[in-house]
C-alpha cells in the first residue's frame, strides 16, 4: 500500500483512528484500480514520514470501506481530506502537488514559511 508510517483506515477503525485522533489526520481516499491514486502514493508516504508524530497520515481503500467513502461524499478519487478534531478542514480532489498538502499541514501546525 505505502510506507510504514502510512495507516490503513477502513469502516471499522475510521471513527476511532481518524475522528477520535488527538492530532490532525490526512486521509487519502483511493482504490487499487485507480491510476492517479498510485501517482499520489509516494507523496502521501513522504508526508507520513516528514510529519510523523505531528500529523497522522493514512489511506482508505474506497472499495473496502464503502460506508466511510459514502459518509464523506467521496465521488472522485483520489480525494484527500484533512481532519482536525474530527472535522474536515480541507479537501483536495485529484492529484495535487506536494506543496499544496504541505501548505495546509503547516498552516494547521502554525509553521511559518
PDB file of N, CA and C in Angstrom:
ATOM      1  N   UNK A   1       0.836  -1.201   0.000  1.00  0.00           N
ATOM      2  CA  UNK A   1       0.000   0.000   0.000  1.00  0.00           C
ATOM      3  C   UNK A   1       0.870   1.250   0.000  1.00  0.00           C
ATOM      4  N   UNK A   2       1.657   1.442   1.038  1.00  0.00           N
ATOM      5  CA  UNK A   2       2.501   2.627   1.136  1.00  0.00           C
ATOM      6  C   UNK A   2       3.548   2.377   2.209  1.00  0.00           C
ATOM      7  N   UNK A   3       4.176   3.437   2.693  1.00  0.00           N
ATOM      8  CA  UNK A   3       5.251   3.310   3.663  1.00  0.00           C
ATOM      9  C   UNK A   3       4.787   2.885   5.044  1.00  0.00           C
ATOM     10  N   UNK A   4       5.766   2.616   5.890  1.00  0.00           N
ATOM     11  CA  UNK A   4       5.477   2.104   7.230  1.00  0.00           C
ATOM     12  C   UNK A   4       4.768   3.106   8.125  1.00  0.00           C
ATOM     13  N   UNK A   5       4.844   4.393   7.815  1.00  0.00           N
ATOM     14  CA  UNK A   5       4.177   5.411   8.627  1.00  0.00           C
ATOM     15  C   UNK A   5       2.777   5.753   8.118  1.00  0.00           C
ATOM     16  N   UNK A   6       2.347   5.079   7.062  1.00  0.00           N
ATOM     17  CA  UNK A   6       1.018   5.325   6.491  1.00  0.00           C
ATOM     18  C   UNK A   6       0.040   4.311   7.089  1.00  0.00           C
ATOM     19  N   UNK A   7      -0.997   4.822   7.723  1.00  0.00           N
ATOM     20  CA  UNK A   7      -2.011   3.990   8.356  1.00  0.00           C
ATOM     21  C   UNK A   7      -3.038   3.515   7.344  1.00  0.00           C
ATOM     22  N   UNK A   8      -3.626   2.368   7.616  1.00  0.00           N
ATOM     23  CA  UNK A   8      -4.734   1.855   6.807  1.00  0.00           C
ATOM     24  C   UNK A   8      -6.020   2.083   7.594  1.00  0.00           C
ATOM     25  N   UNK A   9      -6.896   2.922   7.053  1.00  0.00           N
ATOM     26  CA  UNK A   9      -8.172   3.194   7.688  1.00  0.00           C
ATOM     27  C   UNK A   9      -9.272   2.480   6.906  1.00  0.00           C
ATOM     28  N   UNK A  10     -10.312   2.041   7.623  1.00  0.00           N
ATOM     29  CA  UNK A  10     -11.447   1.391   6.974  1.00  0.00           C
ATOM     30  C   UNK A  10     -12.712   1.669   7.782  1.00  0.00           C
ATOM     31  N   UNK A  11     -13.802   1.012   7.415  1.00  0.00           N
ATOM     32  CA  UNK A  11     -15.069   1.250   8.099  1.00  0.00           C
ATOM     33  C   UNK A  11     -15.001   0.899   9.587  1.00  0.00           C
ATOM     34  N   UNK A  12     -14.153  -0.042   9.952  1.00  0.00           N
ATOM     35  CA  UNK A  12     -14.106  -0.491  11.346  1.00  0.00           C
ATOM     36  C   UNK A  12     -13.278   0.403  12.261  1.00  0.00           C
ATOM     37  N   UNK A  13     -12.304   1.139  11.710  1.00  0.00           N
ATOM     38  CA  UNK A  13     -11.432   1.936  12.584  1.00  0.00           C
ATOM     39  C   UNK A  13     -11.454   3.441  12.317  1.00  0.00           C
ATOM     40  N   UNK A  14     -12.228   3.875  11.332  1.00  0.00           N
ATOM     41  CA  UNK A  14     -12.197   5.291  10.956  1.00  0.00           C
ATOM     42  C   UNK A  14     -12.642   6.192  12.103  1.00  0.00           C
ATOM     43  N   UNK A  15     -13.715   5.806  12.760  1.00  0.00           N
ATOM     44  CA  UNK A  15     -14.243   6.614  13.858  1.00  0.00           C
ATOM     45  C   UNK A  15     -13.189   6.838  14.940  1.00  0.00           C
ATOM     46  N   UNK A  16     -12.560   5.781  15.390  1.00  0.00           N
ATOM     47  CA  UNK A  16     -11.583   5.899  16.476  1.00  0.00           C
ATOM     48  C   UNK A  16     -10.246   6.470  16.004  1.00  0.00           C
ATOM     49  N   UNK A  17      -9.742   5.989  14.873  1.00  0.00           N
ATOM     50  CA  UNK A  17      -8.397   6.355  14.444  1.00  0.00           C
ATOM     51  C   UNK A  17      -8.295   7.703  13.735  1.00  0.00           C
ATOM     52  N   UNK A  18      -9.387   8.155  13.142  1.00  0.00           N
ATOM     53  CA  UNK A  18      -9.361   9.445  12.440  1.00  0.00           C
ATOM     54  C   UNK A  18     -10.174  10.485  13.209  1.00  0.00           C
ATOM     55  N   UNK A  19     -11.450  10.225  13.378  1.00  0.00           N
ATOM     56  CA  UNK A  19     -12.316  11.225  14.015  1.00  0.00           C
ATOM     57  C   UNK A  19     -11.984  11.422  15.488  1.00  0.00           C
ATOM     58  N   UNK A  20     -11.459  10.388  16.134  1.00  0.00           N
ATOM     59  CA  UNK A  20     -11.089  10.497  17.539  1.00  0.00           C
ATOM     60  C   UNK A  20      -9.620  10.773  17.778  1.00  0.00           C
ATOM     61  N   UNK A  21      -8.889  11.067  16.734  1.00  0.00           N
ATOM     62  CA  UNK A  21      -7.441  11.283  16.850  1.00  0.00           C
ATOM     63  C   UNK A  21      -7.123  12.554  17.623  1.00  0.00           C
ATOM     64  N   UNK A  22      -6.034  12.492  18.375  1.00  0.00           N
ATOM     65  CA  UNK A  22      -5.559  13.645  19.151  1.00  0.00           C
ATOM     66  C   UNK A  22      -4.848  14.676  18.272  1.00  0.00           C
ATOM     67  N   UNK A  23      -4.353  14.235  17.130  1.00  0.00           N
ATOM     68  CA  UNK A  23      -3.607  15.124  16.231  1.00  0.00           C
ATOM     69  C   UNK A  23      -4.355  15.238  14.896  1.00  0.00           C
ATOM     70  N   UNK A  24      -3.996  16.209  14.071  1.00  0.00           N
ATOM     71  CA  UNK A  24      -4.617  16.305  12.735  1.00  0.00           C
ATOM     72  C   UNK A  24      -4.348  15.022  11.938  1.00  0.00           C
ATOM     73  N   UNK A  25      -5.267  14.715  11.010  1.00  0.00           N
ATOM     74  CA  UNK A  25      -5.159  13.487  10.219  1.00  0.00           C
ATOM     75  C   UNK A  25      -5.377  13.804   8.745  1.00  0.00           C
ATOM     76  N   UNK A  26      -4.456  13.353   7.899  1.00  0.00           N
ATOM     77  CA  UNK A  26      -4.576  13.477   6.453  1.00  0.00           C
ATOM     78  C   UNK A  26      -4.969  12.106   5.918  1.00  0.00           C
ATOM     79  N   UNK A  27      -6.101  12.050   5.189  1.00  0.00           N
ATOM     80  CA  UNK A  27      -6.629  10.778   4.706  1.00  0.00           C
ATOM     81  C   UNK A  27      -6.747  10.806   3.184  1.00  0.00           C
ATOM     82  N   UNK A  28      -6.108   9.852   2.554  1.00  0.00           N
ATOM     83  CA  UNK A  28      -6.158   9.680   1.100  1.00  0.00           C
ATOM     84  C   UNK A  28      -7.185   8.592   0.774  1.00  0.00           C
ATOM     85  N   UNK A  29      -8.278   8.982   0.117  1.00  0.00           N
ATOM     86  CA  UNK A  29      -9.272   8.015  -0.351  1.00  0.00           C
ATOM     87  C   UNK A  29      -8.848   7.570  -1.744  1.00  0.00           C
ATOM     88  N   UNK A  30      -8.696   6.264  -1.945  1.00  0.00           N
ATOM     89  CA  UNK A  30      -8.109   5.721  -3.169  1.00  0.00           C
ATOM     90  C   UNK A  30      -8.723   4.360  -3.478  1.00  0.00           C
ATOM     91  N   UNK A  31      -8.279   3.769  -4.598  1.00  0.00           N
ATOM     92  CA  UNK A  31      -8.639   2.393  -4.958  1.00  0.00           C
ATOM     93  C   UNK A  31      -7.476   1.790  -5.743  1.00  0.00           C
ATOM     94  N   UNK A  32      -7.358   0.484  -5.657  1.00  0.00           N
ATOM     95  CA  UNK A  32      -6.266  -0.230  -6.323  1.00  0.00           C
ATOM     96  C   UNK A  32      -6.270  -0.017  -7.838  1.00  0.00           C
ATOM     97  N   UNK A  33      -7.450   0.082  -8.440  1.00  0.00           N
ATOM     98  CA  UNK A  33      -7.577   0.190  -9.885  1.00  0.00           C
ATOM     99  C   UNK A  33      -7.384   1.618 -10.408  1.00  0.00           C
ATOM    100  N   UNK A  34      -7.195   2.566  -9.526  1.00  0.00           N
ATOM    101  CA  UNK A  34      -7.126   3.997  -9.882  1.00  0.00           C
ATOM    102  C   UNK A  34      -5.683   4.425 -10.171  1.00  0.00           C
ATOM    103  N   UNK A  35      -5.381   4.688 -11.442  1.00  0.00           N
ATOM    104  CA  UNK A  35      -4.038   5.111 -11.830  1.00  0.00           C
ATOM    105  C   UNK A  35      -3.564   6.371 -11.134  1.00  0.00           C
ATOM    106  N   UNK A  36      -4.347   7.456 -11.156  1.00  0.00           N
ATOM    107  CA  UNK A  36      -3.908   8.669 -10.466  1.00  0.00           C
ATOM    108  C   UNK A  36      -3.673   8.459  -8.964  1.00  0.00           C
ATOM    109  N   UNK A  37      -4.417   7.541  -8.371  1.00  0.00           N
ATOM    110  CA  UNK A  37      -4.214   7.245  -6.948  1.00  0.00           C
ATOM    111  C   UNK A  37      -2.805   6.733  -6.698  1.00  0.00           C
ATOM    112  N   UNK A  38      -2.313   5.907  -7.607  1.00  0.00           N
ATOM    113  CA  UNK A  38      -0.960   5.368  -7.462  1.00  0.00           C
ATOM    114  C   UNK A  38       0.086   6.467  -7.643  1.00  0.00           C
ATOM    115  N   UNK A  39      -0.233   7.494  -8.423  1.00  0.00           N
ATOM    116  CA  UNK A  39       0.670   8.632  -8.575  1.00  0.00           C
ATOM    117  C   UNK A  39       0.789   9.415  -7.270  1.00  0.00           C
ATOM    118  N   UNK A  40      -0.277   9.419  -6.480  1.00  0.00           N
ATOM    119  CA  UNK A  40      -0.300  10.171  -5.232  1.00  0.00           C
ATOM    120  C   UNK A  40       0.389   9.429  -4.081  1.00  0.00           C
ATOM    121  N   UNK A  41       0.480   8.122  -4.162  1.00  0.00           N
ATOM    122  CA  UNK A  41       1.019   7.316  -3.056  1.00  0.00           C
ATOM    123  C   UNK A  41       2.406   7.760  -2.587  1.00  0.00           C
ATOM    124  N   UNK A  42       3.367   8.045  -3.475  1.00  0.00           N
ATOM    125  CA  UNK A  42       4.683   8.486  -2.973  1.00  0.00           C
ATOM    126  C   UNK A  42       4.609   9.793  -2.181  1.00  0.00           C
ATOM    127  N   UNK A  43       3.722  10.687  -2.581  1.00  0.00           N
ATOM    128  CA  UNK A  43       3.565  11.959  -1.859  1.00  0.00           C
ATOM    129  C   UNK A  43       2.999  11.695  -0.472  1.00  0.00           C
ATOM    130  N   UNK A  44       1.976  10.846  -0.400  1.00  0.00           N
ATOM    131  CA  UNK A  44       1.373  10.511   0.887  1.00  0.00           C
ATOM    132  C   UNK A  44       2.414   9.858   1.806  1.00  0.00           C
ATOM    133  N   UNK A  45       3.225   8.986   1.256  1.00  0.00           N
ATOM    134  CA  UNK A  45       4.270   8.332   2.039  1.00  0.00           C
ATOM    135  C   UNK A  45       5.283   9.339   2.559  1.00  0.00           C
ATOM    136  N   UNK A  46       5.708  10.270   1.715  1.00  0.00           N
ATOM    137  CA  UNK A  46       6.651  11.311   2.143  1.00  0.00           C
ATOM    138  C   UNK A  46       6.058  12.160   3.252  1.00  0.00           C
ATOM    139  N   UNK A  47       4.789  12.547   3.121  1.00  0.00           N
ATOM    140  CA  UNK A  47       4.136  13.360   4.151  1.00  0.00           C
ATOM    141  C   UNK A  47       4.074  12.595   5.473  1.00  0.00           C
ATOM    142  N   UNK A  48       3.758  11.300   5.402  1.00  0.00           N
ATOM    143  CA  UNK A  48       3.690  10.481   6.612  1.00  0.00           C
ATOM    144  C   UNK A  48       5.044  10.430   7.312  1.00  0.00           C
ATOM    145  N   UNK A  49       6.105  10.311   6.541  1.00  0.00           N
ATOM    146  CA  UNK A  49       7.453  10.253   7.116  1.00  0.00           C
ATOM    147  C   UNK A  49       7.874  11.607   7.678  1.00  0.00           C
ATOM    148  N   UNK A  50       7.623  12.672   6.933  1.00  0.00           N
ATOM    149  CA  UNK A  50       8.073  14.006   7.324  1.00  0.00           C
ATOM    150  C   UNK A  50       7.309  14.579   8.517  1.00  0.00           C
ATOM    151  N   UNK A  51       6.051  14.206   8.676  1.00  0.00           N
ATOM    152  CA  UNK A  51       5.227  14.771   9.749  1.00  0.00           C
ATOM    153  C   UNK A  51       4.889  13.745  10.820  1.00  0.00           C
ATOM    154  N   UNK A  52       5.656  12.668  10.879  1.00  0.00           N
ATOM    155  CA  UNK A  52       5.430  11.632  11.884  1.00  0.00           C
ATOM    156  C   UNK A  52       5.448  12.255  13.281  1.00  0.00           C
ATOM    157  N   UNK A  53       4.436  11.924  14.077  1.00  0.00           N
ATOM    158  CA  UNK A  53       4.335  12.465  15.430  1.00  0.00           C
ATOM    159  C   UNK A  53       3.609  13.791  15.498  1.00  0.00           C
ATOM    160  N   UNK A  54       3.359  14.413  14.355  1.00  0.00           N
ATOM    161  CA  UNK A  54       2.655  15.703  14.307  1.00  0.00           C
ATOM    162  C   UNK A  54       1.314  15.596  13.589  1.00  0.00           C
ATOM    163  N   UNK A  55       1.291  14.778  12.523  1.00  0.00           N
ATOM    164  CA  UNK A  55       0.085  14.551  11.720  1.00  0.00           C
ATOM    165  C   UNK A  55       0.000  13.060  11.444  1.00  0.00           C
ATOM    166  N   UNK A  56      -1.171  12.496  11.676  1.00  0.00           N
ATOM    167  CA  UNK A  56      -1.402  11.094  11.325  1.00  0.00           C
ATOM    168  C   UNK A  56      -1.777  11.068   9.850  1.00  0.00           C
ATOM    169  N   UNK A  57      -1.190  10.165   9.100  1.00  0.00           N
ATOM    170  CA  UNK A  57      -1.446  10.054   7.663  1.00  0.00           C
ATOM    171  C   UNK A  57      -1.902   8.636   7.361  1.00  0.00           C
ATOM    172  N   UNK A  58      -2.940   8.532   6.533  1.00  0.00           N
ATOM    173  CA  UNK A  58      -3.424   7.205   6.186  1.00  0.00           C
ATOM    174  C   UNK A  58      -4.214   7.191   4.903  1.00  0.00           C
ATOM    175  N   UNK A  59      -4.605   5.975   4.517  1.00  0.00           N
ATOM    176  CA  UNK A  59      -5.326   5.763   3.275  1.00  0.00           C
ATOM    177  C   UNK A  59      -6.588   4.953   3.551  1.00  0.00           C
ATOM    178  N   UNK A  60      -7.630   5.246   2.773  1.00  0.00           N
ATOM    179  CA  UNK A  60      -8.875   4.479   2.803  1.00  0.00           C
ATOM    180  C   UNK A  60      -9.112   3.935   1.404  1.00  0.00           C
ATOM    181  N   UNK A  61      -9.146   2.618   1.270  1.00  0.00           N
ATOM    182  CA  UNK A  61      -9.496   1.986   0.003  1.00  0.00           C
ATOM    183  C   UNK A  61     -11.027   2.041  -0.099  1.00  0.00           C
ATOM    184  N   UNK A  62     -11.537   2.832  -1.031  1.00  0.00           N
ATOM    185  CA  UNK A  62     -12.981   3.049  -1.116  1.00  0.00           C
ATOM    186  C   UNK A  62     -13.751   1.774  -1.439  1.00  0.00           C
ATOM    187  N   UNK A  63     -13.096   0.820  -2.080  1.00  0.00           N
ATOM    188  CA  UNK A  63     -13.756  -0.448  -2.382  1.00  0.00           C
ATOM    189  C   UNK A  63     -13.903  -1.321  -1.137  1.00  0.00           C
ATOM    190  N   UNK A  64     -13.018  -1.134  -0.178  1.00  0.00           N
ATOM    191  CA  UNK A  64     -13.049  -1.928   1.046  1.00  0.00           C
ATOM    192  C   UNK A  64     -13.705  -1.181   2.209  1.00  0.00           C
ATOM    193  N   UNK A  65     -13.985   0.097   2.035  1.00  0.00           N
ATOM    194  CA  UNK A  65     -14.603   0.909   3.084  1.00  0.00           C
ATOM    195  C   UNK A  65     -15.714   1.784   2.486  1.00  0.00           C
ATOM    196  N   UNK A  66     -16.725   1.160   1.894  1.00  0.00           N
ATOM    197  CA  UNK A  66     -17.758   1.937   1.217  1.00  0.00           C
ATOM    198  C   UNK A  66     -18.574   2.830   2.147  1.00  0.00           C
ATOM    199  N   UNK A  67     -18.770   2.424   3.377  1.00  0.00           N
ATOM    200  CA  UNK A  67     -19.549   3.257   4.305  1.00  0.00           C
ATOM    201  C   UNK A  67     -18.827   4.568   4.596  1.00  0.00           C
ATOM    202  N   UNK A  68     -17.538   4.481   4.811  1.00  0.00           N
ATOM    203  CA  UNK A  68     -16.753   5.683   5.099  1.00  0.00           C
ATOM    204  C   UNK A  68     -16.702   6.593   3.884  1.00  0.00           C
ATOM    205  N   UNK A  69     -16.492   6.020   2.706  1.00  0.00           N
ATOM    206  CA  UNK A  69     -16.457   6.823   1.479  1.00  0.00           C
ATOM    207  C   UNK A  69     -17.791   7.540   1.268  1.00  0.00           C
ATOM    208  N   UNK A  70     -18.883   6.832   1.479  1.00  0.00           N
ATOM    209  CA  UNK A  70     -20.211   7.434   1.315  1.00  0.00           C
ATOM    210  C   UNK A  70     -20.447   8.514   2.366  1.00  0.00           C
ATOM    211  N   UNK A  71     -20.069   8.239   3.597  1.00  0.00           N
ATOM    212  CA  UNK A  71     -20.271   9.191   4.693  1.00  0.00           C
ATOM    213  C   UNK A  71     -19.642  10.553   4.392  1.00  0.00           C
ATOM    214  N   UNK A  72     -18.493  10.542   3.724  1.00  0.00           N
ATOM    215  CA  UNK A  72     -17.799  11.789   3.436  1.00  0.00           C
ATOM    216  C   UNK A  72     -17.982  12.262   1.990  1.00  0.00           C
ATOM    217  N   UNK A  73     -18.936  11.673   1.294  1.00  0.00           N
ATOM    218  CA  UNK A  73     -19.301  12.133  -0.043  1.00  0.00           C
ATOM    219  C   UNK A  73     -18.207  11.981  -1.079  1.00  0.00           C
ATOM    220  N   UNK A  74     -17.409  10.946  -0.968  1.00  0.00           N
ATOM    221  CA  UNK A  74     -16.322  10.742  -1.916  1.00  0.00           C
ATOM    222  C   UNK A  74     -16.914  10.248  -3.234  1.00  0.00           C
ATOM    223  N   UNK A  75     -16.814  11.089  -4.257  1.00  0.00           N
ATOM    224  CA  UNK A  75     -17.345  10.743  -5.575  1.00  0.00           C
ATOM    225  C   UNK A  75     -16.251  10.563  -6.609  1.00  0.00           C
ATOM    226  N   UNK A  76     -15.108  11.184  -6.380  1.00  0.00           N
ATOM    227  CA  UNK A  76     -13.959  11.078  -7.281  1.00  0.00           C
ATOM    228  C   UNK A  76     -12.745  10.711  -6.448  1.00  0.00           C
ATOM    229  N   UNK A  77     -11.886   9.897  -7.025  1.00  0.00           N
ATOM    230  CA  UNK A  77     -10.646   9.555  -6.338  1.00  0.00           C
ATOM    231  C   UNK A  77      -9.470   9.823  -7.274  1.00  0.00           C
ATOM    232  N   UNK A  78      -8.327  10.174  -6.725  1.00  0.00           N
ATOM    233  CA  UNK A  78      -8.097  10.321  -5.300  1.00  0.00           C
ATOM    234  C   UNK A  78      -8.744  11.597  -4.745  1.00  0.00           C
ATOM    235  N   UNK A  79      -9.193  11.491  -3.519  1.00  0.00           N
ATOM    236  CA  UNK A  79      -9.630  12.640  -2.725  1.00  0.00           C
ATOM    237  C   UNK A  79      -8.878  12.571  -1.420  1.00  0.00           C
ATOM    238  N   UNK A  80      -8.298  13.689  -1.021  1.00  0.00           N
ATOM    239  CA  UNK A  80      -7.585  13.770   0.247  1.00  0.00           C
ATOM    240  C   UNK A  80      -8.367  14.717   1.158  1.00  0.00           C
ATOM    241  N   UNK A  81      -8.710  14.222   2.340  1.00  0.00           N
ATOM    242  CA  UNK A  81      -9.376  15.037   3.351  1.00  0.00           C
ATOM    243  C   UNK A  81      -8.408  15.250   4.506  1.00  0.00           C
ATOM    244  N   UNK A  82      -8.396  16.476   5.021  1.00  0.00           N
ATOM    245  CA  UNK A  82      -7.563  16.809   6.176  1.00  0.00           C
ATOM    246  C   UNK A  82      -8.502  17.086   7.341  1.00  0.00           C
ATOM    247  N   UNK A  83      -8.369  16.281   8.391  1.00  0.00           N
ATOM    248  CA  UNK A  83      -9.242  16.361   9.558  1.00  0.00           C
ATOM    249  C   UNK A  83      -8.507  16.987  10.731  1.00  0.00           C
ATOM    250  N   UNK A  84      -9.254  17.733  11.532  1.00  0.00           N
ATOM    251  CA  UNK A  84      -8.754  18.209  12.807  1.00  0.00           C
ATOM    252  C   UNK A  84      -9.907  18.145  13.799  1.00  0.00           C
ATOM    253  N   UNK A  85      -9.662  17.479  14.906  1.00  0.00           N
ATOM    254  CA  UNK A  85     -10.688  17.297  15.947  1.00  0.00           C
ATOM    255  C   UNK A  85     -11.971  16.699  15.381  1.00  0.00           C
ATOM    256  N   UNK A  86     -11.825  15.766  14.444  1.00  0.00           N
ATOM    257  CA  UNK A  86     -12.966  15.059  13.884  1.00  0.00           C
ATOM    258  C   UNK A  86     -13.715  15.779  12.787  1.00  0.00           C
ATOM    259  N   UNK A  87     -13.254  16.965  12.402  1.00  0.00           N
ATOM    260  CA  UNK A  87     -13.919  17.753  11.362  1.00  0.00           C
ATOM    261  C   UNK A  87     -13.023  17.879  10.129  1.00  0.00           C
ATOM    262  N   UNK A  88     -13.642  17.852   8.959  1.00  0.00           N
ATOM    263  CA  UNK A  88     -12.895  18.086   7.720  1.00  0.00           C
ATOM    264  C   UNK A  88     -12.581  19.575   7.635  1.00  0.00           C
ATOM    265  N   UNK A  89     -11.286  19.897   7.537  1.00  0.00           N
ATOM    266  CA  UNK A  89     -10.906  21.304   7.421  1.00  0.00           C
ATOM    267  C   UNK A  89     -10.348  21.644   6.038  1.00  0.00           C
ATOM    268  N   UNK A  90     -10.064  20.617   5.229  1.00  0.00           N
ATOM    269  CA  UNK A  90      -9.577  20.850   3.863  1.00  0.00           C
ATOM    270  C   UNK A  90      -9.887  19.629   3.019  1.00  0.00           C
ATOM    271  N   UNK A  91     -10.188  19.876   1.743  1.00  0.00           N
ATOM    272  CA  UNK A  91     -10.492  18.788   0.807  1.00  0.00           C
ATOM    273  C   UNK A  91      -9.762  19.050  -0.497  1.00  0.00           C
ATOM    274  N   UNK A  92      -9.058  18.027  -0.969  1.00  0.00           N
ATOM    275  CA  UNK A  92      -8.364  18.080  -2.250  1.00  0.00           C
ATOM    276  C   UNK A  92      -8.909  16.951  -3.122  1.00  0.00           C
ATOM    277  N   UNK A  93      -9.365  17.271  -4.329  1.00  0.00           N
ATOM    278  CA  UNK A  93      -9.851  16.250  -5.259  1.00  0.00           C
ATOM    279  C   UNK A  93      -8.873  16.179  -6.429  1.00  0.00           C
ATOM    280  N   UNK A  94      -8.430  14.964  -6.739  1.00  0.00           N
ATOM    281  CA  UNK A  94      -7.445  14.779  -7.798  1.00  0.00           C
ATOM    282  C   UNK A  94      -6.035  14.848  -7.241  1.00  0.00           C
ATOM    283  N   UNK A  95      -5.085  14.549  -8.090  1.00  0.00           N
ATOM    284  CA  UNK A  95      -3.684  14.596  -7.688  1.00  0.00           C
ATOM    285  C   UNK A  95      -3.235  16.046  -7.650  1.00  0.00           C
ATOM    286  N   UNK A  96      -2.628  16.428  -6.542  1.00  0.00           N
ATOM    287  CA  UNK A  96      -2.116  17.785  -6.373  1.00  0.00           C
ATOM    288  C   UNK A  96      -0.616  17.714  -6.105  1.00  0.00           C
ATOM    289  N   UNK A  97       0.027  18.849  -6.166  1.00  0.00           N
ATOM    290  CA  UNK A  97       1.450  18.926  -5.853  1.00  0.00           C
ATOM    291  C   UNK A  97       1.651  18.750  -4.349  1.00  0.00           C
ATOM    292  N   UNK A  98       2.771  18.201  -3.982  1.00  0.00           N
ATOM    293  CA  UNK A  98       3.078  18.004  -2.564  1.00  0.00           C
ATOM    294  C   UNK A  98       2.976  19.323  -1.802  1.00  0.00           C
ATOM    295  N   UNK A  99       3.392  20.404  -2.417  1.00  0.00           N
ATOM    296  CA  UNK A  99       3.384  21.699  -1.733  1.00  0.00           C
ATOM    297  C   UNK A  99       1.979  22.115  -1.286  1.00  0.00           C
ATOM    298  N   UNK A 100       0.948  21.678  -2.010  1.00  0.00           N
ATOM    299  CA  UNK A 100      -0.422  22.013  -1.620  1.00  0.00           C
ATOM    300  C   UNK A 100      -0.782  21.377  -0.279  1.00  0.00           C
ATOM    301  N   UNK A 101      -0.412  20.116  -0.120  1.00  0.00           N
ATOM    302  CA  UNK A 101      -0.685  19.414   1.135  1.00  0.00           C
ATOM    303  C   UNK A 101       0.182  19.987   2.256  1.00  0.00           C
ATOM    304  N   UNK A 102       1.451  20.265   1.953  1.00  0.00           N
ATOM    305  CA  UNK A 102       2.367  20.824   2.941  1.00  0.00           C
ATOM    306  C   UNK A 102       1.843  22.168   3.447  1.00  0.00           C
ATOM    307  N   UNK A 103       1.353  23.009   2.554  1.00  0.00           N
ATOM    308  CA  UNK A 103       0.850  24.327   2.963  1.00  0.00           C
ATOM    309  C   UNK A 103      -0.307  24.179   3.947  1.00  0.00           C
ATOM    310  N   UNK A 104      -1.205  23.251   3.690  1.00  0.00           N
ATOM    311  CA  UNK A 104      -2.338  23.026   4.589  1.00  0.00           C
ATOM    312  C   UNK A 104      -1.860  22.485   5.936  1.00  0.00           C
ATOM    313  N   UNK A 105      -0.975  21.522   5.903  1.00  0.00           N
ATOM    314  CA  UNK A 105      -0.450  20.940   7.149  1.00  0.00           C
ATOM    315  C   UNK A 105       0.275  21.990   7.965  1.00  0.00           C
ATOM    316  N   UNK A 106       1.154  22.742   7.323  1.00  0.00           N
ATOM    317  CA  UNK A 106       1.940  23.717   8.066  1.00  0.00           C
ATOM    318  C   UNK A 106       1.101  24.873   8.584  1.00  0.00           C
ATOM    319  N   UNK A 107       0.064  25.246   7.835  1.00  0.00           N
ATOM    320  CA  UNK A 107      -0.840  26.289   8.337  1.00  0.00           C
ATOM    321  C   UNK A 107      -1.540  25.794   9.604  1.00  0.00           C
ATOM    322  N   UNK A 108      -1.954  24.534   9.602  1.00  0.00           N
ATOM    323  CA  UNK A 108      -2.616  23.976  10.778  1.00  0.00           C
ATOM    324  C   UNK A 108      -1.655  23.865  11.952  1.00  0.00           C
ATOM    325  N   UNK A 109      -0.424  23.473  11.680  1.00  0.00           N
ATOM    326  CA  UNK A 109       0.561  23.308  12.747  1.00  0.00           C
ATOM    327  C   UNK A 109       1.171  24.625  13.188  1.00  0.00           C
ATOM    328  N   UNK A 110       0.887  25.704  12.447  1.00  0.00           N
ATOM    329  CA  UNK A 110       1.423  27.011  12.816  1.00  0.00           C
ATOM    330  C   UNK A 110       2.879  27.187  12.453  1.00  0.00           C
ATOM    331  N   UNK A 111       3.311  26.509  11.372  1.00  0.00           N
ATOM    332  CA  UNK A 111       4.699  26.600  10.924  1.00  0.00           C
ATOM    333  C   UNK A 111       4.800  27.720   9.900  1.00  0.00           C
ATOM    334  N   UNK A 112       5.738  28.621  10.115  1.00  0.00           N
ATOM    335  CA  UNK A 112       5.924  29.740   9.179  1.00  0.00           C
ATOM    336  C   UNK A 112       6.794  29.309   8.019  1.00  0.00           C
ATOM    337  N   UNK A 113       6.602  29.960   6.876  1.00  0.00           N
ATOM    338  CA  UNK A 113       7.426  29.680   5.696  1.00  0.00           C
ATOM    339  C   UNK A 113       8.844  30.150   5.894  1.00  0.00           C
TER     340      UNK A 113
END
